[in-house]
Amino acid sequence: MNVTESTGLRSPHATETAEVPAADLPTEEVSTDLPLVVETQRVAPKDAREMSRLFLARLQTLEEGTPEYQYARNTLIEINLTLVRYAARKFRNRTGDTEDIVQVGTIGLIKAIDRFDPSREVEFTTFAVPYIMGEIKRFFRDTSWSVRVPRRLQELRIDLAKAQDDMSQRLGRAPTTAELAERLNLEEEEIIEGLVASNGYTAGSLDTTPDESGDGSAGPSVADRLGEIDPALECVENLHALQPLIAQLDAREQQILEMRFGSEMTQSQIGEELGLSQMHISRLLTRTLTKLRKGLLTDR
């Protein structure tokens, strides 16, 4: 099968010109042996799988941050968006904007692309779908409740709501905690815990301006009273945790880290400086960063 003809792709080395949407091509001249995608939305699922194998394999050999790398990665995202839409359809009966679900699922697709290892001989679709579904499920889990509460309390809120509605109609008043406990065969402490947790299902607006003076004039909003999280705090914590881990690295690993992240040199420049190939530097960096990442996760 000629994938160039059947998927709307063309080789970047072709001499003839073609009408190509600007969004589908690299923004600068790219020297690569990968085909250029003319219209990603026209790539059939079968051809997308074949192209994904080609692009994923090539992605492993490219230096991160280069135009070639960005083109391969962005093209992989675009030709596999059908996987995201397929997963999003499974949640069409849930509340929420479909476009938001697709965007969240796309985050899972990007994570799958960045973490996929072609050497494991696993089909990319098999690897990617759990990532996509996981991000969407996490989205609903984190947005359904204003405050995160344990699942048993989420389920108890539903039982309490049903019991309160039924008993209020029957009694002509709101049921007491003791009456709810008897109805649901639970301890009163559990009922109280469930009622408190129910307050986390909805949240008041941060723009609320309470009347503090008593004369009808609005005071400062809730948002005005809130401080801001300093993003540098997490960076300081990470640097503090990394310090002893970096000290355990050998001299060459420390030197490569300093050149890459301290001097902001590219892998090619580091290779020239140390007399090694770019691919060798890439493997050394990957191994070193994996070692540091495992160390951080173990400490936490």
C-alpha atoms as a PDB file:
ATOM      1  CA  MET A   1       0.000   0.000   0.000  1.00  0.00           C
ATOM      2  CA  ASN A   2       1.240   3.454  -0.852  1.00  0.00           C
ATOM      3  CA  VAL A   3       0.439   5.414   2.303  1.00  0.00           C
ATOM      4  CA  THR A   4       1.282   8.699   0.599  1.00  0.00           C
ATOM      5  CA  GLU A   5      -1.482   8.255  -1.944  1.00  0.00           C
ATOM      6  CA  SER A   6      -4.116   6.652   0.264  1.00  0.00           C
ATOM      7  CA  THR A   7      -3.884   8.951   3.293  1.00  0.00           C
ATOM      8  CA  GLY A   8      -3.350  12.358   1.780  1.00  0.00           C
ATOM      9  CA  LEU A   9       0.326  12.390   2.713  1.00  0.00           C
ATOM     10  CA  ARG A  10       3.266  13.480   0.651  1.00  0.00           C
ATOM     11  CA  SER A  11       6.993  13.153   1.018  1.00  0.00           C
ATOM     12  CA  PRO A  12       8.802  16.355   1.973  1.00  0.00           C
ATOM     13  CA  HIS A  13      11.301  15.542  -0.784  1.00  0.00           C
ATOM     14  CA  ALA A  14       8.658  15.655  -3.543  1.00  0.00           C
ATOM     15  CA  THR A  15       9.293  18.289  -6.191  1.00  0.00           C
ATOM     16  CA  GLU A  16       5.703  19.122  -7.101  1.00  0.00           C
ATOM     17  CA  THR A  17       3.688  21.619  -5.072  1.00  0.00           C
ATOM     18  CA  ALA A  18       0.375  20.883  -3.351  1.00  0.00           C
ATOM     19  CA  GLU A  19      -2.359  22.706  -1.495  1.00  0.00           C
ATOM     20  CA  VAL A  20      -1.444  22.028   2.136  1.00  0.00           C
ATOM     21  CA  PRO A  21      -3.187  23.604   5.158  1.00  0.00           C
ATOM     22  CA  ALA A  22      -0.707  25.625   7.189  1.00  0.00           C
ATOM     23  CA  ALA A  23      -1.800  23.955  10.441  1.00  0.00           C
ATOM     24  CA  ASP A  24      -0.694  20.544   9.175  1.00  0.00           C
ATOM     25  CA  LEU A  25       2.866  21.442   8.231  1.00  0.00           C
ATOM     26  CA  PRO A  26       5.867  22.480  10.323  1.00  0.00           C
ATOM     27  CA  THR A  27       6.139  26.243  10.769  1.00  0.00           C
ATOM     28  CA  GLU A  28       9.733  26.191   9.548  1.00  0.00           C
ATOM     29  CA  GLU A  29      11.738  24.189   7.060  1.00  0.00           C
ATOM     30  CA  VAL A  30      12.114  20.640   8.328  1.00  0.00           C
ATOM     31  CA  SER A  31      14.628  18.175   6.991  1.00  0.00           C
ATOM     32  CA  THR A  32      13.149  14.776   7.764  1.00  0.00           C
ATOM     33  CA  ASP A  33      12.384  11.523   6.019  1.00  0.00           C
ATOM     34  CA  LEU A  34       8.825  11.546   7.377  1.00  0.00           C
ATOM     35  CA  PRO A  35       5.922  12.245   5.001  1.00  0.00           C
ATOM     36  CA  LEU A  36       4.065  15.532   5.334  1.00  0.00           C
ATOM     37  CA  VAL A  37       0.403  15.258   6.305  1.00  0.00           C
ATOM     38  CA  VAL A  38      -1.887  17.199   3.970  1.00  0.00           C
ATOM     39  CA  GLU A  39      -5.187  16.760   5.824  1.00  0.00           C
ATOM     40  CA  THR A  40      -5.044  14.868   9.101  1.00  0.00           C
ATOM     41  CA  GLN A  41      -8.822  14.569   9.353  1.00  0.00           C
ATOM     42  CA  ARG A  42      -8.859  12.496   6.158  1.00  0.00           C
ATOM     43  CA  VAL A  43      -6.458   9.854   7.442  1.00  0.00           C
ATOM     44  CA  ALA A  44      -8.369   6.577   7.836  1.00  0.00           C
ATOM     45  CA  PRO A  45      -7.989   4.678  11.155  1.00  0.00           C
ATOM     46  CA  LYS A  46      -6.117   1.819   9.465  1.00  0.00           C
ATOM     47  CA  ASP A  47      -3.680   4.220   7.821  1.00  0.00           C
ATOM     48  CA  ALA A  48      -3.376   6.185  11.066  1.00  0.00           C
ATOM     49  CA  ARG A  49      -2.126   3.031  12.818  1.00  0.00           C
ATOM     50  CA  GLU A  50       0.505   2.472  10.128  1.00  0.00           C
ATOM     51  CA  MET A  51       1.586   6.097  10.157  1.00  0.00           C
ATOM     52  CA  SER A  52       1.717   6.084  13.970  1.00  0.00           C
ATOM     53  CA  ARG A  53       4.210   3.208  13.926  1.00  0.00           C
ATOM     54  CA  LEU A  54       6.402   5.145  11.494  1.00  0.00           C
ATOM     55  CA  PHE A  55       6.220   8.449  13.377  1.00  0.00           C
ATOM     56  CA  LEU A  56       6.628   6.881  16.837  1.00  0.00           C
ATOM     57  CA  ALA A  57       9.728   4.979  15.756  1.00  0.00           C
ATOM     58  CA  ARG A  58      11.214   8.124  14.213  1.00  0.00           C
ATOM     59  CA  LEU A  59      10.332  10.181  17.291  1.00  0.00           C
ATOM     60  CA  GLN A  60      12.689   8.058  19.396  1.00  0.00           C
ATOM     61  CA  THR A  61      15.660   9.133  17.261  1.00  0.00           C
ATOM     62  CA  LEU A  62      14.921  12.875  17.173  1.00  0.00           C
ATOM     63  CA  GLU A  63      16.196  15.439  19.627  1.00  0.00           C
ATOM     64  CA  GLU A  64      13.510  16.981  21.784  1.00  0.00           C
ATOM     65  CA  GLY A  65      12.812  20.626  20.977  1.00  0.00           C
ATOM     66  CA  THR A  66      13.925  20.476  17.349  1.00  0.00           C
ATOM     67  CA  PRO A  67      11.490  21.346  14.519  1.00  0.00           C
ATOM     68  CA  GLU A  68      11.657  17.719  13.320  1.00  0.00           C
ATOM     69  CA  TYR A  69      10.686  16.439  16.786  1.00  0.00           C
ATOM     70  CA  GLN A  70       7.811  18.922  17.135  1.00  0.00           C
ATOM     71  CA  TYR A  71       6.492  18.056  13.692  1.00  0.00           C
ATOM     72  CA  ALA A  72       6.521  14.303  14.374  1.00  0.00           C
ATOM     73  CA  ARG A  73       4.888  14.744  17.784  1.00  0.00           C
ATOM     74  CA  ASN A  74       2.203  17.186  16.613  1.00  0.00           C
ATOM     75  CA  THR A  75       1.348  14.984  13.627  1.00  0.00           C
ATOM     76  CA  LEU A  76       0.975  11.957  15.906  1.00  0.00           C
ATOM     77  CA  ILE A  77      -1.476  13.923  18.047  1.00  0.00           C
ATOM     78  CA  GLU A  78      -3.564  15.040  15.061  1.00  0.00           C
ATOM     79  CA  ILE A  79      -3.840  11.700  13.288  1.00  0.00           C
ATOM     80  CA  ASN A  80      -4.857   9.957  16.535  1.00  0.00           C
ATOM     81  CA  LEU A  81      -7.553  12.406  17.643  1.00  0.00           C
ATOM     82  CA  THR A  82     -10.130   9.867  16.461  1.00  0.00           C
ATOM     83  CA  LEU A  83      -9.141   7.776  19.505  1.00  0.00           C
ATOM     84  CA  VAL A  84     -10.028  10.719  21.747  1.00  0.00           C
ATOM     85  CA  ARG A  85     -13.389  11.263  20.044  1.00  0.00           C
ATOM     86  CA  TYR A  86     -14.134   7.546  20.307  1.00  0.00           C
ATOM     87  CA  ALA A  87     -13.462   7.625  24.049  1.00  0.00           C
ATOM     88  CA  ALA A  88     -15.428  10.871  24.499  1.00  0.00           C
ATOM     89  CA  ARG A  89     -18.543   9.287  22.967  1.00  0.00           C
ATOM     90  CA  LYS A  90     -18.652   6.823  25.846  1.00  0.00           C
ATOM     91  CA  PHE A  91     -19.310   9.770  28.173  1.00  0.00           C
ATOM     92  CA  ARG A  92     -21.914  11.561  26.051  1.00  0.00           C
ATOM     93  CA  ASN A  93     -24.625  10.959  28.666  1.00  0.00           C
ATOM     94  CA  ARG A  94     -22.590  12.643  31.393  1.00  0.00           C
ATOM     95  CA  THR A  95     -22.902  16.322  32.147  1.00  0.00           C
ATOM     96  CA  GLY A  96     -20.231  18.557  30.677  1.00  0.00           C
ATOM     97  CA  ASP A  97     -19.344  20.111  27.373  1.00  0.00           C
ATOM     98  CA  THR A  98     -18.223  17.589  24.757  1.00  0.00           C
ATOM     99  CA  GLU A  99     -15.405  19.873  23.629  1.00  0.00           C
ATOM    100  CA  ASP A 100     -14.064  19.988  27.193  1.00  0.00           C
ATOM    101  CA  ILE A 101     -14.089  16.183  27.325  1.00  0.00           C
ATOM    102  CA  VAL A 102     -12.210  15.987  24.013  1.00  0.00           C
ATOM    103  CA  GLN A 103      -9.601  18.468  25.261  1.00  0.00           C
ATOM    104  CA  VAL A 104      -9.107  16.485  28.464  1.00  0.00           C
ATOM    105  CA  GLY A 105      -8.843  13.256  26.485  1.00  0.00           C
ATOM    106  CA  THR A 106      -6.240  14.877  24.240  1.00  0.00           C
ATOM    107  CA  ILE A 107      -4.057  15.388  27.303  1.00  0.00           C
ATOM    108  CA  GLY A 108      -4.177  11.628  27.841  1.00  0.00           C
ATOM    109  CA  LEU A 109      -3.245  11.074  24.184  1.00  0.00           C
ATOM    110  CA  ILE A 110      -0.228  13.378  24.524  1.00  0.00           C
ATOM    111  CA  LYS A 111       0.915  11.526  27.661  1.00  0.00           C
ATOM    112  CA  ALA A 112       0.600   8.237  25.791  1.00  0.00           C
ATOM    113  CA  ILE A 113       2.703   9.543  22.889  1.00  0.00           C
ATOM    114  CA  ASP A 114       5.413  10.828  25.224  1.00  0.00           C
ATOM    115  CA  ARG A 115       5.563   7.578  27.211  1.00  0.00           C
ATOM    116  CA  PHE A 116       5.150   5.013  24.440  1.00  0.00           C
ATOM    117  CA  ASP A 117       8.050   2.650  23.850  1.00  0.00           C
ATOM    118  CA  PRO A 118       7.952   0.984  20.392  1.00  0.00           C
ATOM    119  CA  SER A 119      10.425  -1.672  21.533  1.00  0.00           C
ATOM    120  CA  ARG A 120       7.751  -3.272  23.728  1.00  0.00           C
ATOM    121  CA  GLU A 121       5.856  -4.358  20.598  1.00  0.00           C
ATOM    122  CA  VAL A 122       2.503  -3.157  21.928  1.00  0.00           C
ATOM    123  CA  GLU A 123      -0.039  -1.616  19.561  1.00  0.00           C
ATOM    124  CA  PHE A 124      -0.193   2.141  20.159  1.00  0.00           C
ATOM    125  CA  THR A 125      -4.004   2.214  20.246  1.00  0.00           C
ATOM    126  CA  THR A 126      -3.987  -0.446  22.970  1.00  0.00           C
ATOM    127  CA  PHE A 127      -1.503   1.640  24.937  1.00  0.00           C
ATOM    128  CA  ALA A 128      -3.173   5.031  24.371  1.00  0.00           C
ATOM    129  CA  VAL A 129      -6.853   4.320  25.066  1.00  0.00           C
ATOM    130  CA  PRO A 130      -6.362   3.651  28.829  1.00  0.00           C
ATOM    131  CA  TYR A 131      -4.463   6.951  29.131  1.00  0.00           C
ATOM    132  CA  ILE A 132      -7.262   8.815  27.342  1.00  0.00           C
ATOM    133  CA  MET A 133     -10.038   7.141  29.352  1.00  0.00           C
ATOM    134  CA  GLY A 134      -8.117   7.732  32.575  1.00  0.00           C
ATOM    135  CA  GLU A 135      -7.831  11.471  31.968  1.00  0.00           C
ATOM    136  CA  ILE A 136     -11.534  11.774  31.150  1.00  0.00           C
ATOM    137  CA  LYS A 137     -12.575   9.790  34.227  1.00  0.00           C
ATOM    138  CA  ARG A 138     -10.245  11.894  36.372  1.00  0.00           C
ATOM    139  CA  PHE A 139     -11.858  15.013  34.899  1.00  0.00           C
ATOM    140  CA  PHE A 140     -15.338  13.919  35.964  1.00  0.00           C
ATOM    141  CA  ARG A 141     -14.094  12.747  39.338  1.00  0.00           C
ATOM    142  CA  ASP A 142     -12.405  16.048  40.106  1.00  0.00           C
ATOM    143  CA  THR A 143     -15.118  18.352  38.731  1.00  0.00           C
ATOM    144  CA  SER A 144     -18.276  16.658  40.025  1.00  0.00           C
ATOM    145  CA  TRP A 145     -17.497  17.622  43.626  1.00  0.00           C
ATOM    146  CA  SER A 146     -16.302  21.041  44.742  1.00  0.00           C
ATOM    147  CA  VAL A 147     -14.311  19.321  47.495  1.00  0.00           C
ATOM    148  CA  ARG A 148     -12.788  15.871  47.125  1.00  0.00           C
ATOM    149  CA  VAL A 149     -14.413  13.394  49.541  1.00  0.00           C
ATOM    150  CA  PRO A 150     -14.151   9.602  49.918  1.00  0.00           C
ATOM    151  CA  ARG A 151     -16.374   7.502  47.662  1.00  0.00           C
ATOM    152  CA  ARG A 152     -18.383   6.082  50.588  1.00  0.00           C
ATOM    153  CA  LEU A 153     -19.399   9.625  51.559  1.00  0.00           C
ATOM    154  CA  GLN A 154     -20.296  10.438  47.961  1.00  0.00           C
ATOM    155  CA  GLU A 155     -22.624   7.414  47.949  1.00  0.00           C
ATOM    156  CA  LEU A 156     -23.974   8.325  51.405  1.00  0.00           C
ATOM    157  CA  ARG A 157     -24.909  11.807  50.121  1.00  0.00           C
ATOM    158  CA  ILE A 158     -27.224  10.194  47.550  1.00  0.00           C
ATOM    159  CA  ASP A 159     -28.871   7.980  50.185  1.00  0.00           C
ATOM    160  CA  LEU A 160     -29.279  10.945  52.530  1.00  0.00           C
ATOM    161  CA  ALA A 161     -30.838  13.101  49.837  1.00  0.00           C
ATOM    162  CA  LYS A 162     -33.412  10.408  49.004  1.00  0.00           C
ATOM    163  CA  ALA A 163     -34.196   9.776  52.665  1.00  0.00           C
ATOM    164  CA  GLN A 164     -34.548  13.487  53.451  1.00  0.00           C
ATOM    165  CA  ASP A 165     -36.937  14.080  50.540  1.00  0.00           C
ATOM    166  CA  ASP A 166     -39.096  11.075  51.419  1.00  0.00           C
ATOM    167  CA  MET A 167     -39.226  11.771  55.154  1.00  0.00           C
ATOM    168  CA  SER A 168     -39.817  15.508  54.713  1.00  0.00           C
ATOM    169  CA  GLN A 169     -42.921  14.797  52.643  1.00  0.00           C
ATOM    170  CA  ARG A 170     -44.159  12.158  55.101  1.00  0.00           C
ATOM    171  CA  LEU A 171     -43.407  14.098  58.297  1.00  0.00           C
ATOM    172  CA  GLY A 172     -44.153  17.586  57.027  1.00  0.00           C
ATOM    173  CA  ARG A 173     -40.801  18.786  58.360  1.00  0.00           C
ATOM    174  CA  ALA A 174     -37.092  18.095  57.966  1.00  0.00           C
ATOM    175  CA  PRO A 175     -36.049  14.809  59.613  1.00  0.00           C
ATOM    176  CA  THR A 176     -33.699  14.867  62.568  1.00  0.00           C
ATOM    177  CA  THR A 177     -30.295  13.217  62.606  1.00  0.00           C
ATOM    178  CA  ALA A 178     -31.630  10.421  64.809  1.00  0.00           C
ATOM    179  CA  GLU A 179     -34.528   9.773  62.430  1.00  0.00           C
ATOM    180  CA  LEU A 180     -32.186   9.632  59.442  1.00  0.00           C
ATOM    181  CA  ALA A 181     -29.882   7.263  61.314  1.00  0.00           C
ATOM    182  CA  GLU A 182     -32.785   4.944  62.090  1.00  0.00           C
ATOM    183  CA  ARG A 183     -34.050   5.101  58.499  1.00  0.00           C
ATOM    184  CA  LEU A 184     -30.639   4.257  56.988  1.00  0.00           C
ATOM    185  CA  ASN A 185     -29.610   1.898  59.805  1.00  0.00           C
ATOM    186  CA  LEU A 186     -26.472   3.925  60.538  1.00  0.00           C
ATOM    187  CA  GLU A 187     -24.894   5.593  63.558  1.00  0.00           C
ATOM    188  CA  GLU A 188     -25.713   9.255  64.130  1.00  0.00           C
ATOM    189  CA  GLU A 189     -22.000  10.107  63.784  1.00  0.00           C
ATOM    190  CA  GLU A 190     -22.034   8.643  60.270  1.00  0.00           C
ATOM    191  CA  ILE A 191     -25.112  10.707  59.363  1.00  0.00           C
ATOM    192  CA  ILE A 192     -23.429  13.885  60.601  1.00  0.00           C
ATOM    193  CA  GLU A 193     -20.276  13.043  58.640  1.00  0.00           C
ATOM    194  CA  GLY A 194     -22.372  12.491  55.492  1.00  0.00           C
ATOM    195  CA  LEU A 195     -24.253  15.769  55.933  1.00  0.00           C
ATOM    196  CA  VAL A 196     -20.991  17.686  56.368  1.00  0.00           C
ATOM    197  CA  ALA A 197     -19.501  16.006  53.291  1.00  0.00           C
ATOM    198  CA  SER A 198     -22.609  16.928  51.268  1.00  0.00           C
ATOM    199  CA  ASN A 199     -21.622  20.569  51.632  1.00  0.00           C
ATOM    200  CA  GLY A 200     -18.689  19.832  49.342  1.00  0.00           C
ATOM    201  CA  TYR A 201     -20.934  18.965  46.394  1.00  0.00           C
ATOM    202  CA  THR A 202     -21.594  22.604  45.531  1.00  0.00           C
ATOM    203  CA  ALA A 203     -19.588  25.696  46.342  1.00  0.00           C
ATOM    204  CA  GLY A 204     -20.446  29.342  46.719  1.00  0.00           C
ATOM    205  CA  SER A 205     -19.000  31.862  44.315  1.00  0.00           C
ATOM    206  CA  LEU A 206     -15.705  33.515  45.181  1.00  0.00           C
ATOM    207  CA  ASP A 207     -17.274  36.765  43.940  1.00  0.00           C
ATOM    208  CA  THR A 208     -19.766  36.767  46.845  1.00  0.00           C
ATOM    209  CA  THR A 209     -19.703  40.109  48.654  1.00  0.00           C
ATOM    210  CA  PRO A 210     -21.231  39.703  52.146  1.00  0.00           C
ATOM    211  CA  ASP A 211     -22.931  42.601  53.896  1.00  0.00           C
ATOM    212  CA  GLU A 212     -20.615  43.147  56.853  1.00  0.00           C
ATOM    213  CA  SER A 213     -21.606  46.677  57.811  1.00  0.00           C
ATOM    214  CA  GLY A 214     -25.309  45.963  58.256  1.00  0.00           C
ATOM    215  CA  ASP A 215     -26.277  49.028  56.224  1.00  0.00           C
ATOM    216  CA  GLY A 216     -26.644  47.180  52.932  1.00  0.00           C
ATOM    217  CA  SER A 217     -23.224  48.059  51.546  1.00  0.00           C
ATOM    218  CA  ALA A 218     -21.219  45.112  50.250  1.00  0.00           C
ATOM    219  CA  GLY A 219     -17.907  44.245  51.806  1.00  0.00           C
ATOM    220  CA  PRO A 220     -14.905  42.776  49.980  1.00  0.00           C
ATOM    221  CA  SER A 221     -15.531  39.566  48.040  1.00  0.00           C
ATOM    222  CA  VAL A 222     -14.255  36.178  49.188  1.00  0.00           C
ATOM    223  CA  ALA A 223     -11.721  36.206  46.356  1.00  0.00           C
ATOM    224  CA  ASP A 224     -10.309  39.528  47.604  1.00  0.00           C
ATOM    225  CA  ARG A 225      -9.481  37.896  50.926  1.00  0.00           C
ATOM    226  CA  LEU A 226      -7.644  34.915  49.464  1.00  0.00           C
ATOM    227  CA  GLY A 227      -3.895  34.856  49.172  1.00  0.00           C
ATOM    228  CA  GLU A 228      -2.055  33.430  46.198  1.00  0.00           C
ATOM    229  CA  ILE A 229       0.115  30.325  46.082  1.00  0.00           C
ATOM    230  CA  ASP A 230       3.714  31.168  45.300  1.00  0.00           C
ATOM    231  CA  PRO A 231       4.678  28.868  42.384  1.00  0.00           C
ATOM    232  CA  ALA A 232       8.327  29.141  43.416  1.00  0.00           C
ATOM    233  CA  LEU A 233       7.668  27.203  46.632  1.00  0.00           C
ATOM    234  CA  GLU A 234       7.261  23.889  44.798  1.00  0.00           C
ATOM    235  CA  CYS A 235      10.436  24.600  42.839  1.00  0.00           C
ATOM    236  CA  VAL A 236      12.371  25.180  46.063  1.00  0.00           C
ATOM    237  CA  GLU A 237      11.016  21.936  47.520  1.00  0.00           C
ATOM    238  CA  ASN A 238      11.976  19.971  44.397  1.00  0.00           C
ATOM    239  CA  LEU A 239      15.476  21.456  44.321  1.00  0.00           C
ATOM    240  CA  HIS A 240      15.962  20.625  47.990  1.00  0.00           C
ATOM    241  CA  ALA A 241      14.863  17.025  47.384  1.00  0.00           C
ATOM    242  CA  LEU A 242      17.058  16.687  44.282  1.00  0.00           C
ATOM    243  CA  GLN A 243      20.255  17.920  45.918  1.00  0.00           C
ATOM    244  CA  PRO A 244      21.230  14.650  47.686  1.00  0.00           C
ATOM    245  CA  LEU A 245      20.134  12.597  44.655  1.00  0.00           C
ATOM    246  CA  ILE A 246      22.339  14.601  42.288  1.00  0.00           C
ATOM    247  CA  ALA A 247      25.239  14.214  44.692  1.00  0.00           C
ATOM    248  CA  GLN A 248      24.958  10.420  44.243  1.00  0.00           C
ATOM    249  CA  LEU A 249      25.467  10.674  40.453  1.00  0.00           C
ATOM    250  CA  ASP A 250      28.873  10.105  38.912  1.00  0.00           C
ATOM    251  CA  ALA A 251      30.956  13.020  37.600  1.00  0.00           C
ATOM    252  CA  ARG A 252      29.932  12.599  33.940  1.00  0.00           C
ATOM    253  CA  GLU A 253      26.222  12.457  34.773  1.00  0.00           C
ATOM    254  CA  GLN A 254      26.518  15.614  36.878  1.00  0.00           C
ATOM    255  CA  GLN A 255      28.463  17.343  34.102  1.00  0.00           C
ATOM    256  CA  ILE A 256      25.851  16.473  31.465  1.00  0.00           C
ATOM    257  CA  LEU A 257      23.027  17.672  33.721  1.00  0.00           C
ATOM    258  CA  GLU A 258      24.807  20.970  34.341  1.00  0.00           C
ATOM    259  CA  MET A 259      25.460  21.485  30.628  1.00  0.00           C
ATOM    260  CA  ARG A 260      21.893  20.592  29.629  1.00  0.00           C
ATOM    261  CA  PHE A 261      19.927  22.429  32.305  1.00  0.00           C
ATOM    262  CA  GLY A 262      22.457  24.845  33.764  1.00  0.00           C
ATOM    263  CA  SER A 263      24.100  26.097  30.566  1.00  0.00           C
ATOM    264  CA  GLU A 264      20.995  25.218  28.460  1.00  0.00           C
ATOM    265  CA  MET A 265      23.092  23.484  25.812  1.00  0.00           C
ATOM    266  CA  THR A 266      21.435  21.199  23.256  1.00  0.00           C
ATOM    267  CA  GLN A 267      22.223  17.513  23.189  1.00  0.00           C
ATOM    268  CA  SER A 268      24.200  18.014  19.979  1.00  0.00           C
ATOM    269  CA  GLN A 269      26.324  20.737  21.582  1.00  0.00           C
ATOM    270  CA  ILE A 270      26.968  18.549  24.615  1.00  0.00           C
ATOM    271  CA  GLY A 271      27.973  15.691  22.333  1.00  0.00           C
ATOM    272  CA  GLU A 272      30.470  17.891  20.482  1.00  0.00           C
ATOM    273  CA  GLU A 273      31.904  19.119  23.772  1.00  0.00           C
ATOM    274  CA  LEU A 274      32.346  15.611  25.195  1.00  0.00           C
ATOM    275  CA  GLY A 275      33.191  13.836  21.956  1.00  0.00           C
ATOM    276  CA  LEU A 276      30.040  11.724  21.997  1.00  0.00           C
ATOM    277  CA  SER A 277      27.120  11.339  19.595  1.00  0.00           C
ATOM    278  CA  GLN A 278      23.820  13.122  20.155  1.00  0.00           C
ATOM    279  CA  MET A 279      22.061   9.764  20.537  1.00  0.00           C
ATOM    280  CA  HIS A 280      24.564   8.688  23.217  1.00  0.00           C
ATOM    281  CA  ILE A 281      23.951  11.923  25.117  1.00  0.00           C
ATOM    282  CA  SER A 282      20.186  11.387  24.772  1.00  0.00           C
ATOM    283  CA  ARG A 283      20.442   7.906  26.281  1.00  0.00           C
ATOM    284  CA  LEU A 284      22.646   9.136  29.122  1.00  0.00           C
ATOM    285  CA  LEU A 285      20.228  11.973  29.904  1.00  0.00           C
ATOM    286  CA  THR A 286      17.239   9.641  29.844  1.00  0.00           C
ATOM    287  CA  ARG A 287      18.950   7.197  32.174  1.00  0.00           C
ATOM    288  CA  THR A 288      20.019   9.957  34.572  1.00  0.00           C
ATOM    289  CA  LEU A 289      16.600  11.647  34.666  1.00  0.00           C
ATOM    290  CA  THR A 290      14.884   8.303  35.201  1.00  0.00           C
ATOM    291  CA  LYS A 291      17.205   7.626  38.133  1.00  0.00           C
ATOM    292  CA  LEU A 292      16.417  11.044  39.665  1.00  0.00           C
ATOM    293  CA  ARG A 293      12.689  10.644  39.081  1.00  0.00           C
ATOM    294  CA  LYS A 294      12.653   7.249  40.797  1.00  0.00           C
ATOM    295  CA  GLY A 295      14.582   8.731  43.685  1.00  0.00           C
ATOM    296  CA  LEU A 296      12.042  11.523  44.130  1.00  0.00           C
ATOM    297  CA  LEU A 297       9.090   9.125  43.994  1.00  0.00           C
ATOM    298  CA  THR A 298      10.746   6.826  46.546  1.00  0.00           C
ATOM    299  CA  ASP A 299      11.342   9.711  48.935  1.00  0.00           C
ATOM    300  CA  ARG A 300       7.707  10.763  48.692  1.00  0.00           C
END
